[in-house]
């Protein structure tokens, strides 16, 4: 038994050192979970309570982060193989705003301020001759161009309800949610291809 406990101590140290050598987060978190379990086993057997205390805190923290990473990876895979864009995150992160008929959300040449998700109604992109409806997103392309200006004017056709996100909220969600980021990338690619076809 003593030999196994000593082996657990050495393995805990090796796992901890190996974790520092990892370049990506998934193997790093996996090794940290293993390291904490082994350190706790070793510390409990030898009554090393400070080490046991530290790793009893680190274990649930690293487990939570590991599960979070696995969920993000799963969402990224699902989004990659999905044929429909998933913009449901707007309902949680976007601020709701009602717009009256004929109101400009933005005009061509304006600096980007918000990205919009249409919840109800229709919005016309005037220079492009395109009308967007409920479930569509607009205003995202300006955040990814060198000039950072609107390429078309957006005007409501009748009463409209939108969810809007400012630059900080949009980019934070873009980098934190692989599913959302892939949906935005697919949307931009589709719109660029549609413009080339005009």
N, C-alpha and C. Protein backbone atom coordinates (compact mmCIF):
# COMPACT_ATOMS: atom_id res chain seq x y z
N UNK A 1 0.84 -1.21 0.00
CA UNK A 1 0.00 0.00 0.00
C UNK A 1 0.87 1.27 0.00
N UNK A 2 1.93 1.21 0.84
CA UNK A 2 2.82 2.38 0.95
C UNK A 2 3.48 2.68 -0.40
N UNK A 3 3.86 1.62 -1.10
CA UNK A 3 4.50 1.80 -2.41
C UNK A 3 3.55 2.49 -3.38
N UNK A 4 2.27 2.09 -3.36
CA UNK A 4 1.27 2.70 -4.24
C UNK A 4 1.05 4.18 -3.91
N UNK A 5 1.03 4.48 -2.62
CA UNK A 5 0.84 5.87 -2.19
C UNK A 5 2.03 6.73 -2.62
N UNK A 6 3.23 6.20 -2.46
CA UNK A 6 4.42 6.94 -2.90
C UNK A 6 4.41 7.14 -4.41
N UNK A 7 3.97 6.10 -5.12
CA UNK A 7 3.86 6.21 -6.58
C UNK A 7 2.85 7.28 -6.97
N UNK A 8 1.75 7.35 -6.22
CA UNK A 8 0.73 8.38 -6.47
C UNK A 8 1.31 9.78 -6.30
N UNK A 9 2.19 9.94 -5.28
CA UNK A 9 2.83 11.23 -5.06
C UNK A 9 3.72 11.64 -6.22
N UNK A 10 4.51 10.69 -6.70
CA UNK A 10 5.40 10.98 -7.84
C UNK A 10 4.59 11.23 -9.11
N UNK A 11 3.54 10.45 -9.30
CA UNK A 11 2.69 10.65 -10.49
C UNK A 11 1.99 12.00 -10.44
N UNK A 12 1.59 12.42 -9.24
CA UNK A 12 0.96 13.73 -9.07
C UNK A 12 1.92 14.84 -9.50
N UNK A 13 3.18 14.71 -9.08
CA UNK A 13 4.18 15.70 -9.47
C UNK A 13 4.42 15.70 -10.96
N UNK A 14 4.50 14.50 -11.56
CA UNK A 14 4.71 14.39 -13.01
C UNK A 14 3.55 14.99 -13.80
N UNK A 15 2.32 14.72 -13.34
CA UNK A 15 1.13 15.25 -14.01
C UNK A 15 1.09 16.77 -13.93
N UNK A 16 1.49 17.31 -12.78
CA UNK A 16 1.52 18.76 -12.60
C UNK A 16 2.55 19.41 -13.51
N UNK A 17 3.74 18.80 -13.61
CA UNK A 17 4.79 19.33 -14.49
C UNK A 17 4.36 19.23 -15.96
N UNK A 18 3.76 18.10 -16.32
CA UNK A 18 3.30 17.90 -17.70
C UNK A 18 2.24 18.92 -18.09
N UNK A 19 1.39 19.30 -17.12
CA UNK A 19 0.32 20.27 -17.39
C UNK A 19 0.90 21.61 -17.83
N UNK A 20 2.03 22.00 -17.24
CA UNK A 20 2.67 23.26 -17.61
C UNK A 20 3.25 23.23 -19.02
N UNK A 21 3.48 22.02 -19.53
CA UNK A 21 4.04 21.88 -20.87
C UNK A 21 2.97 21.87 -21.97
N UNK A 22 1.70 21.78 -21.58
CA UNK A 22 0.60 21.71 -22.54
C UNK A 22 0.38 23.05 -23.22
N UNK A 23 0.08 23.01 -24.51
CA UNK A 23 -0.18 24.24 -25.27
C UNK A 23 -1.66 24.55 -25.40
N UNK A 24 -2.49 23.56 -25.17
CA UNK A 24 -3.94 23.77 -25.27
C UNK A 24 -4.60 23.45 -23.93
N UNK A 25 -5.79 24.04 -23.73
CA UNK A 25 -6.42 24.00 -22.42
C UNK A 25 -7.01 22.64 -22.05
N UNK A 26 -7.51 21.89 -23.02
CA UNK A 26 -8.18 20.63 -22.70
C UNK A 26 -7.23 19.62 -22.04
N UNK A 27 -6.07 19.33 -22.63
CA UNK A 27 -5.16 18.42 -21.92
C UNK A 27 -4.61 19.00 -20.63
N UNK A 28 -4.44 20.33 -20.58
CA UNK A 28 -3.95 20.97 -19.36
C UNK A 28 -4.92 20.74 -18.21
N UNK A 29 -6.21 21.00 -18.46
CA UNK A 29 -7.22 20.81 -17.40
C UNK A 29 -7.34 19.34 -17.01
N UNK A 30 -7.24 18.45 -17.99
CA UNK A 30 -7.33 17.01 -17.69
C UNK A 30 -6.20 16.57 -16.77
N UNK A 31 -4.98 17.04 -17.07
CA UNK A 31 -3.83 16.70 -16.24
C UNK A 31 -3.93 17.32 -14.85
N UNK A 32 -4.47 18.52 -14.76
CA UNK A 32 -4.62 19.16 -13.45
C UNK A 32 -5.63 18.42 -12.58
N UNK A 33 -6.69 17.89 -13.19
CA UNK A 33 -7.66 17.09 -12.45
C UNK A 33 -6.99 15.83 -11.91
N UNK A 34 -6.23 15.13 -12.77
CA UNK A 34 -5.51 13.93 -12.35
C UNK A 34 -4.51 14.25 -11.25
N UNK A 35 -3.80 15.36 -11.43
CA UNK A 35 -2.80 15.77 -10.45
C UNK A 35 -3.45 16.03 -9.09
N UNK A 36 -4.58 16.71 -9.06
CA UNK A 36 -5.26 17.01 -7.80
C UNK A 36 -5.74 15.75 -7.09
N UNK A 37 -6.29 14.81 -7.86
CA UNK A 37 -6.75 13.55 -7.27
C UNK A 37 -5.59 12.80 -6.64
N UNK A 38 -4.47 12.73 -7.36
CA UNK A 38 -3.29 12.02 -6.85
C UNK A 38 -2.66 12.73 -5.64
N UNK A 39 -2.59 14.06 -5.71
CA UNK A 39 -2.04 14.81 -4.57
C UNK A 39 -2.93 14.66 -3.33
N UNK A 40 -4.24 14.65 -3.53
CA UNK A 40 -5.16 14.48 -2.40
C UNK A 40 -4.99 13.09 -1.76
N UNK A 41 -4.83 12.08 -2.60
CA UNK A 41 -4.61 10.72 -2.09
C UNK A 41 -3.33 10.65 -1.27
N UNK A 42 -2.26 11.19 -1.84
CA UNK A 42 -0.96 11.19 -1.15
C UNK A 42 -1.02 12.00 0.15
N UNK A 43 -1.61 13.19 0.08
CA UNK A 43 -1.67 14.07 1.24
C UNK A 43 -2.54 13.50 2.36
N UNK A 44 -3.63 12.86 1.99
CA UNK A 44 -4.51 12.27 3.00
C UNK A 44 -3.80 11.13 3.74
N UNK A 45 -3.11 10.31 3.00
CA UNK A 45 -2.42 9.16 3.61
C UNK A 45 -1.32 9.62 4.56
N UNK A 46 -0.60 10.68 4.18
CA UNK A 46 0.51 11.18 4.99
C UNK A 46 0.11 12.34 5.91
N UNK A 47 -1.19 12.64 5.97
CA UNK A 47 -1.71 13.72 6.82
C UNK A 47 -1.05 15.07 6.53
N UNK A 48 -0.87 15.37 5.25
CA UNK A 48 -0.32 16.67 4.83
C UNK A 48 -1.52 17.57 4.50
N UNK A 49 -2.07 18.17 5.52
CA UNK A 49 -3.36 18.85 5.38
C UNK A 49 -3.33 20.14 4.55
N UNK A 50 -2.26 20.94 4.59
CA UNK A 50 -2.26 22.12 3.71
C UNK A 50 -2.37 21.76 2.23
N UNK A 51 -1.62 20.74 1.80
CA UNK A 51 -1.69 20.29 0.40
C UNK A 51 -3.06 19.70 0.08
N UNK A 52 -3.59 18.94 1.04
CA UNK A 52 -4.93 18.36 0.87
C UNK A 52 -5.97 19.47 0.73
N UNK A 53 -5.83 20.53 1.52
CA UNK A 53 -6.77 21.66 1.47
C UNK A 53 -6.72 22.36 0.11
N UNK A 54 -5.49 22.63 -0.36
CA UNK A 54 -5.32 23.34 -1.64
C UNK A 54 -5.94 22.56 -2.79
N UNK A 55 -5.65 21.24 -2.85
CA UNK A 55 -6.14 20.45 -3.98
C UNK A 55 -7.62 20.09 -3.86
N UNK A 56 -8.17 20.14 -2.65
CA UNK A 56 -9.62 19.95 -2.52
C UNK A 56 -10.39 21.15 -3.08
N UNK A 57 -9.71 22.29 -3.19
CA UNK A 57 -10.29 23.48 -3.83
C UNK A 57 -10.03 23.46 -5.33
N UNK A 58 -8.80 23.08 -5.71
CA UNK A 58 -8.43 23.06 -7.13
C UNK A 58 -9.19 22.01 -7.92
N UNK A 59 -9.50 20.87 -7.30
CA UNK A 59 -10.16 19.78 -8.03
C UNK A 59 -11.52 20.19 -8.59
N UNK A 60 -12.46 20.71 -7.77
CA UNK A 60 -13.76 21.10 -8.37
C UNK A 60 -13.63 22.24 -9.37
N UNK A 61 -12.68 23.14 -9.13
CA UNK A 61 -12.47 24.26 -10.05
C UNK A 61 -12.02 23.75 -11.42
N UNK A 62 -11.03 22.86 -11.43
CA UNK A 62 -10.53 22.32 -12.69
C UNK A 62 -11.55 21.39 -13.36
N UNK A 63 -12.32 20.66 -12.55
CA UNK A 63 -13.39 19.82 -13.12
C UNK A 63 -14.43 20.68 -13.83
N UNK A 64 -14.80 21.79 -13.20
CA UNK A 64 -15.78 22.70 -13.81
C UNK A 64 -15.26 23.24 -15.13
N UNK A 65 -14.01 23.68 -15.15
CA UNK A 65 -13.42 24.23 -16.38
C UNK A 65 -13.28 23.15 -17.45
N UNK A 66 -12.96 21.93 -17.06
CA UNK A 66 -12.85 20.83 -18.01
C UNK A 66 -14.19 20.52 -18.65
N UNK A 67 -15.25 20.46 -17.84
CA UNK A 67 -16.60 20.21 -18.36
C UNK A 67 -17.03 21.33 -19.28
N UNK A 68 -16.68 22.58 -18.91
CA UNK A 68 -17.00 23.75 -19.74
C UNK A 68 -16.32 23.64 -21.10
N UNK A 69 -15.06 23.24 -21.12
CA UNK A 69 -14.32 23.08 -22.38
C UNK A 69 -14.92 21.99 -23.25
N UNK A 70 -15.31 20.88 -22.62
CA UNK A 70 -15.91 19.77 -23.36
C UNK A 70 -17.24 20.20 -23.99
N UNK A 71 -18.01 20.99 -23.25
CA UNK A 71 -19.28 21.50 -23.79
C UNK A 71 -19.05 22.44 -24.96
N UNK A 72 -18.04 23.31 -24.84
CA UNK A 72 -17.72 24.24 -25.93
C UNK A 72 -17.27 23.49 -27.18
N UNK A 73 -16.44 22.46 -26.97
CA UNK A 73 -15.99 21.65 -28.11
C UNK A 73 -17.16 20.95 -28.79
N UNK A 74 -18.08 20.43 -27.99
CA UNK A 74 -19.27 19.76 -28.53
C UNK A 74 -20.13 20.75 -29.32
N UNK A 75 -20.29 21.95 -28.76
CA UNK A 75 -21.08 22.98 -29.44
C UNK A 75 -20.44 23.39 -30.76
N UNK A 76 -19.09 23.45 -30.77
CA UNK A 76 -18.38 23.83 -31.99
C UNK A 76 -18.57 22.77 -33.07
N UNK A 77 -18.50 21.50 -32.69
CA UNK A 77 -18.68 20.41 -33.65
C UNK A 77 -20.10 20.43 -34.21
N UNK A 78 -21.09 20.61 -33.33
CA UNK A 78 -22.50 20.65 -33.76
C UNK A 78 -22.75 21.83 -34.69
N UNK A 79 -22.16 22.98 -34.36
CA UNK A 79 -22.35 24.17 -35.20
C UNK A 79 -21.71 23.99 -36.57
N UNK A 80 -20.57 23.32 -36.58
CA UNK A 80 -19.86 23.11 -37.85
C UNK A 80 -20.68 22.27 -38.81
N UNK A 81 -21.40 21.29 -38.29
CA UNK A 81 -22.16 20.39 -39.14
C UNK A 81 -23.63 20.80 -39.30
N UNK A 82 -24.00 21.90 -38.66
CA UNK A 82 -25.38 22.37 -38.76
C UNK A 82 -25.57 23.17 -40.05
N UNK A 83 -26.74 23.03 -40.66
CA UNK A 83 -27.06 23.79 -41.88
C UNK A 83 -27.86 25.05 -41.57
N UNK A 84 -28.21 25.25 -40.31
CA UNK A 84 -28.96 26.43 -39.91
C UNK A 84 -28.16 27.22 -38.89
N UNK A 85 -28.17 28.55 -39.02
CA UNK A 85 -27.44 29.41 -38.09
C UNK A 85 -28.19 29.50 -36.77
N UNK A 86 -27.44 29.45 -35.67
CA UNK A 86 -28.04 29.49 -34.35
C UNK A 86 -27.70 30.83 -33.69
N UNK A 87 -28.69 31.72 -33.65
CA UNK A 87 -28.49 33.03 -33.05
C UNK A 87 -29.31 33.22 -31.77
N UNK A 88 -29.67 32.10 -31.12
CA UNK A 88 -30.51 32.18 -29.92
C UNK A 88 -29.81 32.93 -28.78
N UNK A 89 -28.47 33.04 -28.85
CA UNK A 89 -27.74 33.75 -27.80
C UNK A 89 -28.14 35.21 -27.73
N UNK A 90 -28.64 35.76 -28.84
CA UNK A 90 -29.10 37.15 -28.83
C UNK A 90 -30.22 37.37 -27.83
N UNK A 91 -31.04 36.34 -27.63
CA UNK A 91 -32.19 36.47 -26.73
C UNK A 91 -31.75 36.62 -25.28
N UNK A 92 -30.53 36.15 -24.98
CA UNK A 92 -30.02 36.23 -23.62
C UNK A 92 -29.07 37.41 -23.44
N UNK A 93 -28.27 37.68 -24.47
CA UNK A 93 -27.24 38.72 -24.35
C UNK A 93 -27.65 40.06 -24.94
N UNK A 94 -28.64 40.05 -25.84
CA UNK A 94 -29.04 41.30 -26.51
C UNK A 94 -30.11 42.07 -25.74
N UNK A 95 -30.07 43.38 -25.87
CA UNK A 95 -31.07 44.24 -25.22
C UNK A 95 -32.22 44.49 -26.19
N UNK A 96 -33.43 44.30 -25.70
CA UNK A 96 -34.62 44.42 -26.53
C UNK A 96 -34.94 45.89 -26.82
N UNK A 97 -35.33 46.16 -28.07
CA UNK A 97 -35.67 47.54 -28.45
C UNK A 97 -36.77 47.52 -29.50
N UNK A 98 -37.82 48.31 -29.28
CA UNK A 98 -38.91 48.46 -30.24
C UNK A 98 -38.61 49.65 -31.16
N UNK A 99 -38.86 49.46 -32.46
CA UNK A 99 -38.54 50.49 -33.46
C UNK A 99 -39.80 50.80 -34.27
N UNK A 100 -40.06 52.06 -34.49
CA UNK A 100 -41.23 52.48 -35.26
C UNK A 100 -40.96 52.41 -36.75
N UNK A 101 -42.01 52.48 -37.53
CA UNK A 101 -41.92 52.39 -38.99
C UNK A 101 -41.05 53.51 -39.57
N UNK A 102 -40.17 53.14 -40.50
CA UNK A 102 -39.36 54.14 -41.20
C UNK A 102 -38.13 54.61 -40.45
N UNK A 103 -37.80 53.98 -39.33
CA UNK A 103 -36.64 54.39 -38.54
C UNK A 103 -35.36 53.76 -39.08
N UNK A 104 -34.32 54.57 -39.18
CA UNK A 104 -33.01 54.05 -39.59
C UNK A 104 -32.27 53.49 -38.38
N UNK A 105 -31.88 52.23 -38.46
CA UNK A 105 -31.02 51.66 -37.43
C UNK A 105 -29.62 52.19 -37.60
N UNK A 106 -29.21 52.32 -38.87
CA UNK A 106 -27.93 52.93 -39.20
C UNK A 106 -27.97 53.29 -40.68
N UNK A 107 -27.05 54.17 -41.08
CA UNK A 107 -26.94 54.59 -42.47
C UNK A 107 -25.58 54.19 -43.04
N UNK A 108 -25.54 54.08 -44.35
CA UNK A 108 -24.29 53.71 -45.03
C UNK A 108 -23.19 54.70 -44.67
N UNK A 109 -22.02 54.19 -44.29
CA UNK A 109 -20.89 55.03 -43.91
C UNK A 109 -20.77 55.28 -42.43
N UNK A 110 -21.82 54.97 -41.66
CA UNK A 110 -21.77 55.14 -40.21
C UNK A 110 -20.75 54.19 -39.59
N UNK A 111 -20.21 54.59 -38.45
CA UNK A 111 -19.35 53.69 -37.67
C UNK A 111 -20.24 52.65 -36.99
N UNK A 112 -19.79 51.41 -36.89
CA UNK A 112 -20.61 50.38 -36.26
C UNK A 112 -20.77 50.61 -34.76
N UNK A 113 -21.99 50.45 -34.28
CA UNK A 113 -22.24 50.59 -32.85
C UNK A 113 -22.89 49.34 -32.27
N UNK A 114 -23.86 48.77 -33.02
CA UNK A 114 -24.57 47.59 -32.56
C UNK A 114 -24.69 46.53 -33.66
N UNK A 115 -24.88 45.30 -33.22
CA UNK A 115 -25.30 44.20 -34.09
C UNK A 115 -26.74 43.90 -33.69
N UNK A 116 -27.60 43.65 -34.69
CA UNK A 116 -29.04 43.51 -34.42
C UNK A 116 -29.55 42.12 -34.80
N UNK A 117 -30.45 41.63 -33.98
CA UNK A 117 -31.19 40.40 -34.25
C UNK A 117 -32.66 40.79 -34.35
N UNK A 118 -33.30 40.46 -35.47
CA UNK A 118 -34.70 40.84 -35.66
C UNK A 118 -35.61 39.82 -34.98
N UNK A 119 -36.37 40.28 -34.01
CA UNK A 119 -37.31 39.41 -33.30
C UNK A 119 -38.68 39.44 -33.96
N UNK A 120 -39.08 40.63 -34.38
CA UNK A 120 -40.37 40.80 -35.06
C UNK A 120 -40.23 41.88 -36.13
N UNK A 121 -40.95 41.69 -37.25
CA UNK A 121 -40.98 42.70 -38.29
C UNK A 121 -39.94 42.50 -39.38
N UNK A 122 -39.78 43.58 -40.20
CA UNK A 122 -38.86 43.52 -41.34
C UNK A 122 -38.00 44.78 -41.40
N UNK A 123 -36.77 44.61 -41.89
CA UNK A 123 -35.83 45.72 -42.05
C UNK A 123 -35.23 45.64 -43.46
N UNK A 124 -35.24 46.78 -44.14
CA UNK A 124 -34.71 46.84 -45.51
C UNK A 124 -33.28 47.35 -45.50
N UNK A 125 -32.41 46.66 -46.23
CA UNK A 125 -31.06 47.16 -46.49
C UNK A 125 -31.15 47.89 -47.84
N UNK A 126 -31.30 49.19 -47.79
CA UNK A 126 -31.76 49.97 -48.94
C UNK A 126 -30.86 49.88 -50.17
N UNK A 127 -29.56 50.05 -50.00
CA UNK A 127 -28.67 50.05 -51.16
C UNK A 127 -28.56 48.67 -51.81
N UNK A 128 -28.84 47.64 -51.04
CA UNK A 128 -28.71 46.28 -51.56
C UNK A 128 -30.02 45.72 -52.08
N UNK A 129 -31.13 46.39 -51.77
CA UNK A 129 -32.43 45.91 -52.20
C UNK A 129 -32.83 44.61 -51.52
N UNK A 130 -32.40 44.44 -50.29
CA UNK A 130 -32.68 43.22 -49.53
C UNK A 130 -33.56 43.54 -48.33
N UNK A 131 -34.51 42.68 -48.05
CA UNK A 131 -35.35 42.82 -46.86
C UNK A 131 -35.11 41.64 -45.93
N UNK A 132 -34.77 41.95 -44.68
CA UNK A 132 -34.54 40.92 -43.67
C UNK A 132 -35.75 40.84 -42.75
N UNK A 133 -36.00 39.65 -42.22
CA UNK A 133 -37.18 39.45 -41.37
C UNK A 133 -36.78 38.75 -40.07
N UNK A 134 -37.80 38.36 -39.29
CA UNK A 134 -37.57 37.75 -37.98
C UNK A 134 -36.62 36.55 -38.08
N UNK A 135 -35.63 36.53 -37.17
CA UNK A 135 -34.63 35.47 -37.16
C UNK A 135 -33.33 35.84 -37.85
N UNK A 136 -33.34 36.97 -38.58
CA UNK A 136 -32.14 37.43 -39.29
C UNK A 136 -31.29 38.33 -38.40
N UNK A 137 -30.00 38.38 -38.72
CA UNK A 137 -29.04 39.25 -38.03
C UNK A 137 -28.52 40.27 -39.03
N UNK A 138 -28.29 41.48 -38.58
CA UNK A 138 -27.71 42.50 -39.45
C UNK A 138 -26.75 43.39 -38.68
N UNK A 139 -25.84 43.99 -39.41
CA UNK A 139 -24.88 44.92 -38.80
C UNK A 139 -23.59 44.28 -38.36
N UNK A 140 -23.45 42.97 -38.60
CA UNK A 140 -22.27 42.26 -38.11
C UNK A 140 -21.03 42.50 -38.97
N UNK A 141 -21.21 42.74 -40.28
CA UNK A 141 -20.06 42.80 -41.19
C UNK A 141 -19.15 43.99 -40.91
N UNK A 142 -19.72 45.09 -40.44
CA UNK A 142 -18.93 46.29 -40.20
C UNK A 142 -17.86 46.08 -39.13
N UNK A 143 -18.08 45.11 -38.24
CA UNK A 143 -17.10 44.85 -37.18
C UNK A 143 -15.90 44.04 -37.68
N UNK A 144 -16.00 43.52 -38.90
CA UNK A 144 -14.94 42.67 -39.42
C UNK A 144 -14.24 43.26 -40.65
N UNK A 145 -14.50 44.52 -40.95
CA UNK A 145 -13.86 45.17 -42.08
C UNK A 145 -12.77 46.13 -41.60
N UNK A 146 -11.80 46.41 -42.47
CA UNK A 146 -10.71 47.32 -42.11
C UNK A 146 -11.21 48.75 -41.89
N UNK A 147 -12.21 49.15 -42.68
CA UNK A 147 -12.71 50.53 -42.60
C UNK A 147 -13.67 50.71 -41.43
N UNK A 148 -14.26 49.64 -40.95
CA UNK A 148 -15.23 49.68 -39.84
C UNK A 148 -16.31 50.74 -40.09
N UNK A 149 -16.97 50.61 -41.25
CA UNK A 149 -18.10 51.46 -41.58
C UNK A 149 -19.24 50.61 -42.13
N UNK A 150 -20.44 51.12 -42.02
CA UNK A 150 -21.61 50.41 -42.54
C UNK A 150 -21.58 50.42 -44.06
N UNK A 151 -21.85 49.26 -44.67
CA UNK A 151 -21.82 49.16 -46.12
C UNK A 151 -23.19 49.42 -46.75
N UNK A 152 -24.23 49.54 -45.91
CA UNK A 152 -25.58 49.82 -46.41
C UNK A 152 -26.41 50.44 -45.29
N UNK A 153 -27.51 51.09 -45.67
CA UNK A 153 -28.43 51.66 -44.68
C UNK A 153 -29.50 50.65 -44.33
N UNK A 154 -29.90 50.62 -43.05
CA UNK A 154 -30.94 49.69 -42.59
C UNK A 154 -32.11 50.50 -42.06
N UNK A 155 -33.30 50.25 -42.67
CA UNK A 155 -34.50 51.02 -42.30
C UNK A 155 -35.66 50.08 -42.05
N UNK A 156 -36.40 50.34 -40.98
CA UNK A 156 -37.51 49.47 -40.61
C UNK A 156 -38.68 49.63 -41.58
N UNK A 157 -39.34 48.49 -41.86
CA UNK A 157 -40.54 48.48 -42.69
C UNK A 157 -41.70 48.09 -41.77
N UNK A 158 -42.34 49.09 -41.23
CA UNK A 158 -43.37 48.83 -40.22
C UNK A 158 -42.73 48.73 -38.85
N UNK A 159 -43.54 48.46 -37.82
CA UNK A 159 -42.97 48.32 -36.48
C UNK A 159 -42.08 47.09 -36.38
N UNK A 160 -40.97 47.24 -35.69
CA UNK A 160 -39.97 46.17 -35.59
C UNK A 160 -39.51 46.04 -34.14
N UNK A 161 -39.23 44.81 -33.73
CA UNK A 161 -38.62 44.56 -32.42
C UNK A 161 -37.28 43.86 -32.67
N UNK A 162 -36.22 44.44 -32.13
CA UNK A 162 -34.89 43.86 -32.30
C UNK A 162 -34.24 43.59 -30.95
N UNK A 163 -33.23 42.74 -30.99
CA UNK A 163 -32.30 42.57 -29.87
C UNK A 163 -30.96 43.10 -30.37
N UNK A 164 -30.33 43.96 -29.60
CA UNK A 164 -29.08 44.54 -30.07
C UNK A 164 -27.95 44.34 -29.05
N UNK A 165 -26.75 44.19 -29.59
CA UNK A 165 -25.55 44.04 -28.77
C UNK A 165 -24.51 45.05 -29.22
N UNK A 166 -23.86 45.70 -28.26
CA UNK A 166 -22.80 46.63 -28.63
C UNK A 166 -21.52 45.86 -28.98
N UNK A 167 -20.50 46.58 -29.39
CA UNK A 167 -19.25 45.98 -29.84
C UNK A 167 -18.65 45.05 -28.80
N UNK A 168 -18.57 45.50 -27.55
CA UNK A 168 -17.93 44.70 -26.50
C UNK A 168 -18.68 43.40 -26.25
N UNK A 169 -20.01 43.49 -26.12
CA UNK A 169 -20.82 42.29 -25.86
C UNK A 169 -20.76 41.32 -27.02
N UNK A 170 -20.81 41.86 -28.25
CA UNK A 170 -20.78 41.02 -29.44
C UNK A 170 -19.46 40.27 -29.56
N UNK A 171 -18.34 40.98 -29.42
CA UNK A 171 -17.03 40.35 -29.59
C UNK A 171 -16.74 39.38 -28.45
N UNK A 172 -17.22 39.69 -27.25
CA UNK A 172 -17.04 38.77 -26.12
C UNK A 172 -17.77 37.46 -26.40
N UNK A 173 -19.02 37.57 -26.85
CA UNK A 173 -19.80 36.37 -27.18
C UNK A 173 -19.19 35.62 -28.35
N UNK A 174 -18.68 36.37 -29.32
CA UNK A 174 -18.05 35.77 -30.50
C UNK A 174 -16.86 34.88 -30.12
N UNK A 175 -16.04 35.36 -29.19
CA UNK A 175 -14.84 34.60 -28.81
C UNK A 175 -15.12 33.53 -27.76
N UNK A 176 -16.21 33.68 -27.02
CA UNK A 176 -16.51 32.71 -25.95
C UNK A 176 -17.39 31.56 -26.41
N UNK A 177 -18.16 31.77 -27.47
CA UNK A 177 -19.08 30.73 -27.92
C UNK A 177 -18.73 30.27 -29.33
N UNK A 178 -18.14 29.08 -29.47
CA UNK A 178 -17.80 28.58 -30.81
C UNK A 178 -19.02 28.45 -31.72
N UNK A 179 -20.15 28.02 -31.17
CA UNK A 179 -21.37 27.86 -31.97
C UNK A 179 -21.81 29.20 -32.54
N UNK A 180 -21.78 30.25 -31.72
CA UNK A 180 -22.17 31.58 -32.16
C UNK A 180 -21.18 32.12 -33.19
N UNK A 181 -19.89 31.92 -32.93
CA UNK A 181 -18.86 32.41 -33.86
C UNK A 181 -18.98 31.76 -35.23
N UNK A 182 -19.22 30.46 -35.25
CA UNK A 182 -19.37 29.76 -36.53
C UNK A 182 -20.63 30.21 -37.26
N UNK A 183 -21.70 30.47 -36.52
CA UNK A 183 -22.94 30.97 -37.13
C UNK A 183 -22.70 32.32 -37.79
N UNK A 184 -21.95 33.19 -37.11
CA UNK A 184 -21.63 34.51 -37.67
C UNK A 184 -20.74 34.38 -38.90
N UNK A 185 -19.75 33.49 -38.84
CA UNK A 185 -18.86 33.29 -39.99
C UNK A 185 -19.62 32.76 -41.20
N UNK A 186 -20.53 31.83 -40.96
CA UNK A 186 -21.34 31.30 -42.06
C UNK A 186 -22.22 32.40 -42.65
N UNK A 187 -22.78 33.23 -41.79
CA UNK A 187 -23.64 34.32 -42.25
C UNK A 187 -22.86 35.30 -43.12
N UNK A 188 -21.67 35.71 -42.67
CA UNK A 188 -20.86 36.65 -43.43
C UNK A 188 -20.45 36.05 -44.77
N UNK A 189 -20.05 34.78 -44.76
CA UNK A 189 -19.66 34.11 -46.00
C UNK A 189 -20.83 34.07 -46.98
N UNK A 190 -22.01 33.72 -46.48
CA UNK A 190 -23.19 33.64 -47.35
C UNK A 190 -23.53 35.00 -47.95
N UNK A 191 -23.41 36.04 -47.15
CA UNK A 191 -23.76 37.38 -47.65
C UNK A 191 -22.74 37.87 -48.66
N UNK A 192 -21.46 37.57 -48.45
CA UNK A 192 -20.45 37.95 -49.43
C UNK A 192 -20.68 37.25 -50.76
N UNK A 193 -21.07 35.98 -50.69
CA UNK A 193 -21.35 35.23 -51.92
C UNK A 193 -22.60 35.77 -52.62
N UNK A 194 -23.59 36.17 -51.84
CA UNK A 194 -24.81 36.75 -52.42
C UNK A 194 -24.51 38.07 -53.12
N UNK A 195 -23.61 38.87 -52.52
CA UNK A 195 -23.26 40.15 -53.13
C UNK A 195 -22.48 39.97 -54.43
N UNK A 196 -21.64 38.96 -54.47
CA UNK A 196 -20.89 38.67 -55.69
C UNK A 196 -21.82 38.25 -56.82
N UNK A 197 -22.93 37.60 -56.44
CA UNK A 197 -23.87 37.11 -57.44
C UNK A 197 -24.75 38.22 -57.99
N UNK A 198 -24.80 39.39 -57.31
CA UNK A 198 -25.66 40.49 -57.77
C UNK A 198 -25.10 41.12 -59.05
